[in-house]
Structures are given as structure tokens and as C-alpha cells.
Amino acid sequence: MALALVAALLVFPPTRAVAGRAWAGVDAALAAMRAEQARERMVAGYARKYGISVDLADAIERAARAERLDTELAFRLVRVESEFRQHARSHVGALGFTQLMPATAAELQPGITREQMVDRDTNLRLGFGYLKQLIAVYDGDAEEALTAYNRGPGTVARIRRKGGDPSNGYADLVLGRRGGSPVNHVAADSTPAPAAPPLHESAPARLPQGL
């Protein structure tokens, strides 16, 4: 049977082309299956690491990937901001997993309601998208972007103009320092984190012009 198939391929070039395309399709399907299995293992690992459900870990990973945000950074942001609580609310009114301020959320998605702000996927999408915007604004500087995420870009710019340092420990808290950043694939929380600063001291509705 196998010899007959080989002979047919040699005799009929169109058949050879069809078979080649079929094998290419099979290879692509196998590669996709392996990639999805690897992603599922990664998601399960994050769920174990942070003590959350696989469903929530899956949502965070998908949202981070959609916004092209580093996956570890995304998980750390949610942990620091809300301790993975969907309906978390700060003393200044920031909401949800990523602790979005209503004015910031309205700038990112005009007309958004508070109910929509605490929707899991919406909150993750907007929060991760906002942080990704800030990372671009600060030329890839995740530490400065995180400081702006917490304090507001306007506050960061004002302090910089006066020659000050806007850092308040928040970026170190998210990045898991001492000595490393999840962006550089340094793992583990082996040392105690510093006390958390107040969340969203002055989060703005929009990025200031000129930044």
C-alpha cells in the first residue's frame, strides 16, 4: 500500500502537491495543538503560583497577550492592585482587578459604566492596555510606567520638572525586587516586599500632552 502511494506520487505530480499541502496542514495543526498545551501548562502554573482559579489565570494571560503586555508583569500588577479580587475598591474610588479610576476608564472607553468597569475581561483589558500605553510613553521604561500608573502621569511629570524623583516604592512592589524584574524573567518572591503605597494617588483621565 505504501509503495503504491509512493509510486502514485512519483507518477502524478499534482497528487504529490496535494499530499504536500495535506501534510503541511497536519503539521500546522499539530504545532497549534502543542502551543495550546504549552499555554495551558503555563496558565496552570500561574494559577498555582498565585493561588487563584485556572479560569482567572486564563483570563489574565489572554488579556495580557491581547495587549502585548509581559505576562508575569500582568499577574504581578493584578496581585498588587487588587489581590485578585474582582470587586476591589480603593479609598479613592479605583475599581476592579487593575484598580481603574473611573475617569481613566472613561477616557479609554467613553461611556463605560461602573458595572462594566468591574467586569472581569473589560477591567483586565483596559488596565493592561493603559499600562502598555504608559510603557510606550516612557520609551519602554516599565518602572517609570508603573510609577505613572500608580501616581498619574501628570504627577510624575510635575515632580520631574521640579527635579524630584516620583518613585514611591510601587514599581519595586510590582516588579518583585530586590534585584530583579519580571520583564527580565527574574522569578520568585523570596524576600519580603515593601509596604504598599496608597493606590492611585492621582490617576488622570488622560495622558498629559507633550509626554
C-alpha atoms as a PDB file:
ATOM      1  CA  MET A   1       0.000   0.000   0.000  1.00  0.00           C
ATOM      2  CA  ALA A   2       2.766   2.399   0.979  1.00  0.00           C
ATOM      3  CA  LEU A   3       4.758   1.513  -2.146  1.00  0.00           C
ATOM      4  CA  ALA A   4       1.695   2.123  -4.282  1.00  0.00           C
ATOM      5  CA  LEU A   5       1.244   5.564  -2.704  1.00  0.00           C
ATOM      6  CA  VAL A   6       4.884   6.450  -3.355  1.00  0.00           C
ATOM      7  CA  ALA A   7       4.562   5.304  -6.952  1.00  0.00           C
ATOM      8  CA  ALA A   8       1.440   7.396  -7.387  1.00  0.00           C
ATOM      9  CA  LEU A   9       3.207  10.441  -6.047  1.00  0.00           C
ATOM     10  CA  LEU A  10       6.074   9.933  -8.477  1.00  0.00           C
ATOM     11  CA  VAL A  11       3.804   9.405 -11.457  1.00  0.00           C
ATOM     12  CA  PHE A  12       1.265  12.130 -10.718  1.00  0.00           C
ATOM     13  CA  PRO A  13       2.926  15.445  -9.677  1.00  0.00           C
ATOM     14  CA  PRO A  14      -0.449  17.107  -8.908  1.00  0.00           C
ATOM     15  CA  THR A  15      -1.133  14.323  -6.442  1.00  0.00           C
ATOM     16  CA  ARG A  16       2.266  14.984  -4.871  1.00  0.00           C
ATOM     17  CA  ALA A  17       1.385  18.662  -4.461  1.00  0.00           C
ATOM     18  CA  VAL A  18      -1.957  17.836  -2.847  1.00  0.00           C
ATOM     19  CA  ALA A  19      -0.292  15.408  -0.447  1.00  0.00           C
ATOM     20  CA  GLY A  20       2.318  18.025   0.413  1.00  0.00           C
ATOM     21  CA  ARG A  21      -0.343  20.552   1.281  1.00  0.00           C
ATOM     22  CA  ALA A  22      -2.163  17.948   3.366  1.00  0.00           C
ATOM     23  CA  TRP A  23       0.984  17.163   5.348  1.00  0.00           C
ATOM     24  CA  ALA A  24       1.647  20.880   5.832  1.00  0.00           C
ATOM     25  CA  GLY A  25      -1.866  21.240   7.233  1.00  0.00           C
ATOM     26  CA  VAL A  26      -1.309  18.340   9.601  1.00  0.00           C
ATOM     27  CA  ASP A  27       1.986  19.859  10.776  1.00  0.00           C
ATOM     28  CA  ALA A  28       0.312  23.214  11.382  1.00  0.00           C
ATOM     29  CA  ALA A  29      -2.498  21.577  13.347  1.00  0.00           C
ATOM     30  CA  LEU A  30      -0.019  19.626  15.483  1.00  0.00           C
ATOM     31  CA  ALA A  31       2.027  22.762  16.126  1.00  0.00           C
ATOM     32  CA  ALA A  32      -1.106  24.652  17.186  1.00  0.00           C
ATOM     33  CA  MET A  33      -2.107  21.805  19.484  1.00  0.00           C
ATOM     34  CA  ARG A  34       1.346  21.724  21.102  1.00  0.00           C
ATOM     35  CA  ALA A  35       1.290  25.508  21.535  1.00  0.00           C
ATOM     36  CA  GLU A  36      -2.126  25.369  23.217  1.00  0.00           C
ATOM     37  CA  GLN A  37      -0.999  22.558  25.511  1.00  0.00           C
ATOM     38  CA  ALA A  38       2.063  24.605  26.476  1.00  0.00           C
ATOM     39  CA  ARG A  39      -0.170  27.610  27.166  1.00  0.00           C
ATOM     40  CA  GLU A  40      -2.474  25.511  29.331  1.00  0.00           C
ATOM     41  CA  ARG A  41       0.507  24.302  31.368  1.00  0.00           C
ATOM     42  CA  MET A  42       1.718  27.873  31.758  1.00  0.00           C
ATOM     43  CA  VAL A  43      -1.725  29.075  32.887  1.00  0.00           C
ATOM     44  CA  ALA A  44      -1.994  26.221  35.391  1.00  0.00           C
ATOM     45  CA  GLY A  45       1.426  27.187  36.717  1.00  0.00           C
ATOM     46  CA  TYR A  46       0.333  30.800  37.237  1.00  0.00           C
ATOM     47  CA  ALA A  47      -2.839  29.607  38.965  1.00  0.00           C
ATOM     48  CA  ARG A  48      -0.746  27.566  41.412  1.00  0.00           C
ATOM     49  CA  LYS A  49       1.818  30.311  41.905  1.00  0.00           C
ATOM     50  CA  TYR A  50      -0.731  32.973  42.821  1.00  0.00           C
ATOM     51  CA  GLY A  51      -3.348  30.727  44.439  1.00  0.00           C
ATOM     52  CA  ILE A  52      -6.115  31.658  42.022  1.00  0.00           C
ATOM     53  CA  SER A  53      -8.518  29.699  39.831  1.00  0.00           C
ATOM     54  CA  VAL A  54      -7.351  28.407  36.462  1.00  0.00           C
ATOM     55  CA  ASP A  55     -10.242  30.328  34.895  1.00  0.00           C
ATOM     56  CA  LEU A  56      -8.965  33.652  36.275  1.00  0.00           C
ATOM     57  CA  ALA A  57      -5.370  32.837  35.380  1.00  0.00           C
ATOM     58  CA  ASP A  58      -6.525  32.039  31.848  1.00  0.00           C
ATOM     59  CA  ALA A  59      -8.357  35.375  31.585  1.00  0.00           C
ATOM     60  CA  ILE A  60      -5.322  37.334  32.800  1.00  0.00           C
ATOM     61  CA  GLU A  61      -2.996  35.539  30.384  1.00  0.00           C
ATOM     62  CA  ARG A  62      -5.345  36.084  27.443  1.00  0.00           C
ATOM     63  CA  ALA A  63      -5.802  39.778  28.245  1.00  0.00           C
ATOM     64  CA  ALA A  64      -2.054  40.319  28.677  1.00  0.00           C
ATOM     65  CA  ARG A  65      -1.341  38.574  25.368  1.00  0.00           C
ATOM     66  CA  ALA A  66      -4.010  40.598  23.580  1.00  0.00           C
ATOM     67  CA  GLU A  67      -2.466  43.848  24.859  1.00  0.00           C
ATOM     68  CA  ARG A  68       1.092  42.567  24.272  1.00  0.00           C
ATOM     69  CA  LEU A  69       1.940  43.079  27.914  1.00  0.00           C
ATOM     70  CA  ASP A  70       4.501  40.873  29.650  1.00  0.00           C
ATOM     71  CA  THR A  71       2.531  38.035  31.250  1.00  0.00           C
ATOM     72  CA  GLU A  72       4.383  37.990  34.555  1.00  0.00           C
ATOM     73  CA  LEU A  73       4.084  41.751  34.827  1.00  0.00           C
ATOM     74  CA  ALA A  74       0.323  41.473  34.245  1.00  0.00           C
ATOM     75  CA  PHE A  75      -0.118  38.943  37.050  1.00  0.00           C
ATOM     76  CA  ARG A  76       2.018  40.988  39.431  1.00  0.00           C
ATOM     77  CA  LEU A  77       0.057  44.139  38.648  1.00  0.00           C
ATOM     78  CA  VAL A  78      -3.256  42.449  39.481  1.00  0.00           C
ATOM     79  CA  ARG A  79      -1.832  40.952  42.662  1.00  0.00           C
ATOM     80  CA  VAL A  80      -0.573  44.305  43.961  1.00  0.00           C
ATOM     81  CA  GLU A  81      -3.596  46.321  42.831  1.00  0.00           C
ATOM     82  CA  SER A  82      -6.440  44.077  43.969  1.00  0.00           C
ATOM     83  CA  GLU A  83      -5.059  40.815  45.359  1.00  0.00           C
ATOM     84  CA  PHE A  84      -7.027  39.183  42.516  1.00  0.00           C
ATOM     85  CA  ARG A  85     -10.367  40.498  43.861  1.00  0.00           C
ATOM     86  CA  GLN A  86     -12.794  41.401  41.088  1.00  0.00           C
ATOM     87  CA  HIS A  87     -14.792  43.907  43.137  1.00  0.00           C
ATOM     88  CA  ALA A  88     -11.873  45.543  44.944  1.00  0.00           C
ATOM     89  CA  ARG A  89     -12.320  49.270  45.540  1.00  0.00           C
ATOM     90  CA  SER A  90      -9.698  51.685  46.839  1.00  0.00           C
ATOM     91  CA  HIS A  91     -10.288  54.614  49.173  1.00  0.00           C
ATOM     92  CA  VAL A  92     -10.063  56.975  46.169  1.00  0.00           C
ATOM     93  CA  GLY A  93     -12.589  55.000  44.090  1.00  0.00           C
ATOM     94  CA  ALA A  94     -10.356  52.866  41.868  1.00  0.00           C
ATOM     95  CA  LEU A  95     -12.184  49.693  40.835  1.00  0.00           C
ATOM     96  CA  GLY A  96     -11.633  46.096  39.886  1.00  0.00           C
ATOM     97  CA  PHE A  97      -8.722  43.793  39.267  1.00  0.00           C
ATOM     98  CA  THR A  98      -6.493  46.534  37.856  1.00  0.00           C
ATOM     99  CA  GLN A  99      -7.911  49.323  40.051  1.00  0.00           C
ATOM    100  CA  LEU A 100      -9.003  51.627  37.278  1.00  0.00           C
ATOM    101  CA  MET A 101     -10.086  55.120  38.191  1.00  0.00           C
ATOM    102  CA  PRO A 102     -13.496  55.965  36.653  1.00  0.00           C
ATOM    103  CA  ALA A 103     -12.057  58.985  34.813  1.00  0.00           C
ATOM    104  CA  THR A 104      -9.253  56.888  33.332  1.00  0.00           C
ATOM    105  CA  ALA A 105     -11.677  54.156  32.270  1.00  0.00           C
ATOM    106  CA  ALA A 106     -13.969  56.759  30.657  1.00  0.00           C
ATOM    107  CA  GLU A 107     -11.031  58.105  28.668  1.00  0.00           C
ATOM    108  CA  LEU A 108     -10.114  54.624  27.497  1.00  0.00           C
ATOM    109  CA  GLN A 109     -13.704  53.574  26.771  1.00  0.00           C
ATOM    110  CA  PRO A 110     -16.120  56.524  26.556  1.00  0.00           C
ATOM    111  CA  GLY A 111     -19.497  55.850  28.108  1.00  0.00           C
ATOM    112  CA  ILE A 112     -18.315  52.986  30.280  1.00  0.00           C
ATOM    113  CA  THR A 113     -20.423  52.306  33.373  1.00  0.00           C
ATOM    114  CA  ARG A 114     -19.213  51.281  36.813  1.00  0.00           C
ATOM    115  CA  GLU A 115     -20.801  47.887  36.277  1.00  0.00           C
ATOM    116  CA  GLN A 116     -18.778  47.459  33.099  1.00  0.00           C
ATOM    117  CA  MET A 117     -15.636  48.646  34.879  1.00  0.00           C
ATOM    118  CA  VAL A 118     -15.714  45.672  37.249  1.00  0.00           C
ATOM    119  CA  ASP A 119     -16.486  43.161  34.508  1.00  0.00           C
ATOM    120  CA  ARG A 120     -13.504  40.820  34.601  1.00  0.00           C
ATOM    121  CA  ASP A 121     -12.468  40.922  30.962  1.00  0.00           C
ATOM    122  CA  THR A 122     -13.210  44.621  30.487  1.00  0.00           C
ATOM    123  CA  ASN A 123     -11.230  45.633  33.563  1.00  0.00           C
ATOM    124  CA  LEU A 124      -8.237  43.493  32.608  1.00  0.00           C
ATOM    125  CA  ARG A 125      -8.288  44.728  29.017  1.00  0.00           C
ATOM    126  CA  LEU A 126      -8.440  48.393  29.961  1.00  0.00           C
ATOM    127  CA  GLY A 127      -5.941  48.166  32.809  1.00  0.00           C
ATOM    128  CA  PHE A 128      -3.383  46.237  30.781  1.00  0.00           C
ATOM    129  CA  GLY A 129      -3.942  48.462  27.767  1.00  0.00           C
ATOM    130  CA  TYR A 130      -3.412  51.559  29.886  1.00  0.00           C
ATOM    131  CA  LEU A 131      -0.164  50.217  31.341  1.00  0.00           C
ATOM    132  CA  LYS A 132       1.001  49.268  27.837  1.00  0.00           C
ATOM    133  CA  GLN A 133       0.293  52.843  26.721  1.00  0.00           C
ATOM    134  CA  LEU A 134       2.356  54.184  29.591  1.00  0.00           C
ATOM    135  CA  ILE A 135       5.251  51.850  28.809  1.00  0.00           C
ATOM    136  CA  ALA A 136       5.244  53.230  25.249  1.00  0.00           C
ATOM    137  CA  VAL A 137       5.082  56.823  26.526  1.00  0.00           C
ATOM    138  CA  TYR A 138       8.110  56.205  28.739  1.00  0.00           C
ATOM    139  CA  ASP A 139      10.088  54.504  25.948  1.00  0.00           C
ATOM    140  CA  GLY A 140       9.858  51.020  27.402  1.00  0.00           C
ATOM    141  CA  ASP A 141      10.746  52.023  30.957  1.00  0.00           C
ATOM    142  CA  ALA A 142       8.464  49.695  32.928  1.00  0.00           C
ATOM    143  CA  GLU A 143       9.482  51.223  36.271  1.00  0.00           C
ATOM    144  CA  GLU A 144       8.559  54.769  35.244  1.00  0.00           C
ATOM    145  CA  ALA A 145       5.354  53.491  33.615  1.00  0.00           C
ATOM    146  CA  LEU A 146       4.332  51.700  36.798  1.00  0.00           C
ATOM    147  CA  THR A 147       5.025  54.803  38.873  1.00  0.00           C
ATOM    148  CA  ALA A 148       2.800  56.775  36.490  1.00  0.00           C
ATOM    149  CA  TYR A 149       0.143  54.042  36.653  1.00  0.00           C
ATOM    150  CA  ASN A 150       0.056  54.478  40.421  1.00  0.00           C
ATOM    151  CA  ARG A 151       0.585  58.219  40.818  1.00  0.00           C
ATOM    152  CA  GLY A 152      -0.646  59.526  37.475  1.00  0.00           C
ATOM    153  CA  PRO A 153       1.476  60.776  34.543  1.00  0.00           C
ATOM    154  CA  GLY A 154       0.710  64.372  35.469  1.00  0.00           C
ATOM    155  CA  THR A 155       2.122  63.921  38.961  1.00  0.00           C
ATOM    156  CA  VAL A 156       5.207  62.163  37.614  1.00  0.00           C
ATOM    157  CA  ALA A 157       5.814  64.945  35.065  1.00  0.00           C
ATOM    158  CA  ARG A 158       5.345  67.684  37.663  1.00  0.00           C
ATOM    159  CA  ILE A 159       7.807  66.112  40.078  1.00  0.00           C
ATOM    160  CA  ARG A 160      10.332  65.555  37.288  1.00  0.00           C
ATOM    161  CA  ARG A 161      10.051  69.182  36.182  1.00  0.00           C
ATOM    162  CA  LYS A 162      10.955  70.260  39.700  1.00  0.00           C
ATOM    163  CA  GLY A 163      13.984  67.986  39.676  1.00  0.00           C
ATOM    164  CA  GLY A 164      12.468  65.425  42.044  1.00  0.00           C
ATOM    165  CA  ASP A 165      12.112  61.657  41.942  1.00  0.00           C
ATOM    166  CA  PRO A 166       8.479  60.472  41.722  1.00  0.00           C
ATOM    167  CA  SER A 167       9.352  56.897  42.718  1.00  0.00           C
ATOM    168  CA  ASN A 168       7.363  55.817  45.765  1.00  0.00           C
ATOM    169  CA  GLY A 169       8.157  52.102  46.017  1.00  0.00           C
ATOM    170  CA  TYR A 170       5.171  50.987  43.961  1.00  0.00           C
ATOM    171  CA  ALA A 171       7.195  49.889  40.935  1.00  0.00           C
ATOM    172  CA  ASP A 172       9.516  47.848  43.134  1.00  0.00           C
ATOM    173  CA  LEU A 173       6.486  46.241  44.727  1.00  0.00           C
ATOM    174  CA  VAL A 174       5.045  45.169  41.377  1.00  0.00           C
ATOM    175  CA  LEU A 175       8.365  44.158  39.846  1.00  0.00           C
ATOM    176  CA  GLY A 176       9.193  41.934  42.773  1.00  0.00           C
ATOM    177  CA  ARG A 177      12.532  43.472  43.509  1.00  0.00           C
ATOM    178  CA  ARG A 178      15.087  43.212  45.200  1.00  0.00           C
ATOM    179  CA  GLY A 179      17.470  42.778  42.301  1.00  0.00           C
ATOM    180  CA  GLY A 180      15.171  41.736  39.505  1.00  0.00           C
ATOM    181  CA  SER A 181      12.228  42.420  37.258  1.00  0.00           C
ATOM    182  CA  PRO A 182       9.671  40.034  35.766  1.00  0.00           C
ATOM    183  CA  VAL A 183      10.292  41.782  32.459  1.00  0.00           C
ATOM    184  CA  ASN A 184      13.803  40.341  32.612  1.00  0.00           C
ATOM    185  CA  HIS A 185      12.437  36.940  33.618  1.00  0.00           C
ATOM    186  CA  VAL A 186      13.735  37.021  37.195  1.00  0.00           C
ATOM    187  CA  ALA A 187      11.365  34.836  39.170  1.00  0.00           C
ATOM    188  CA  ALA A 188      10.225  34.315  42.729  1.00  0.00           C
ATOM    189  CA  ASP A 189       9.277  36.376  45.711  1.00  0.00           C
ATOM    190  CA  SER A 190      11.936  35.102  48.073  1.00  0.00           C
ATOM    191  CA  THR A 191      12.282  38.350  50.021  1.00  0.00           C
ATOM    192  CA  PRO A 192       9.595  40.390  51.772  1.00  0.00           C
ATOM    193  CA  ALA A 193       8.048  43.124  49.655  1.00  0.00           C
ATOM    194  CA  PRO A 194       7.999  46.724  50.928  1.00  0.00           C
ATOM    195  CA  ALA A 195       4.775  48.089  52.325  1.00  0.00           C
ATOM    196  CA  ALA A 196       2.333  49.088  49.605  1.00  0.00           C
ATOM    197  CA  PRO A 197       1.947  52.811  48.931  1.00  0.00           C
ATOM    198  CA  PRO A 198      -1.529  54.297  48.558  1.00  0.00           C
ATOM    199  CA  LEU A 199      -3.115  53.078  45.336  1.00  0.00           C
ATOM    200  CA  HIS A 200      -3.671  55.564  42.532  1.00  0.00           C
ATOM    201  CA  GLU A 201      -2.755  58.747  44.334  1.00  0.00           C
ATOM    202  CA  SER A 202      -3.842  60.916  41.427  1.00  0.00           C
ATOM    203  CA  ALA A 203      -4.630  58.795  38.388  1.00  0.00           C
ATOM    204  CA  PRO A 204      -5.531  61.086  35.471  1.00  0.00           C
ATOM    205  CA  ALA A 205      -8.304  60.863  32.935  1.00  0.00           C
ATOM    206  CA  ARG A 206      -5.839  61.092  30.066  1.00  0.00           C
ATOM    207  CA  LEU A 207      -2.171  61.186  29.274  1.00  0.00           C
ATOM    208  CA  PRO A 208      -0.911  64.793  29.551  1.00  0.00           C
ATOM    209  CA  GLN A 209       0.024  66.420  26.255  1.00  0.00           C
ATOM    210  CA  GLY A 210       3.709  66.566  25.496  1.00  0.00           C
ATOM    211  CA  LEU A 211       4.720  63.430  27.405  1.00  0.00           C
END
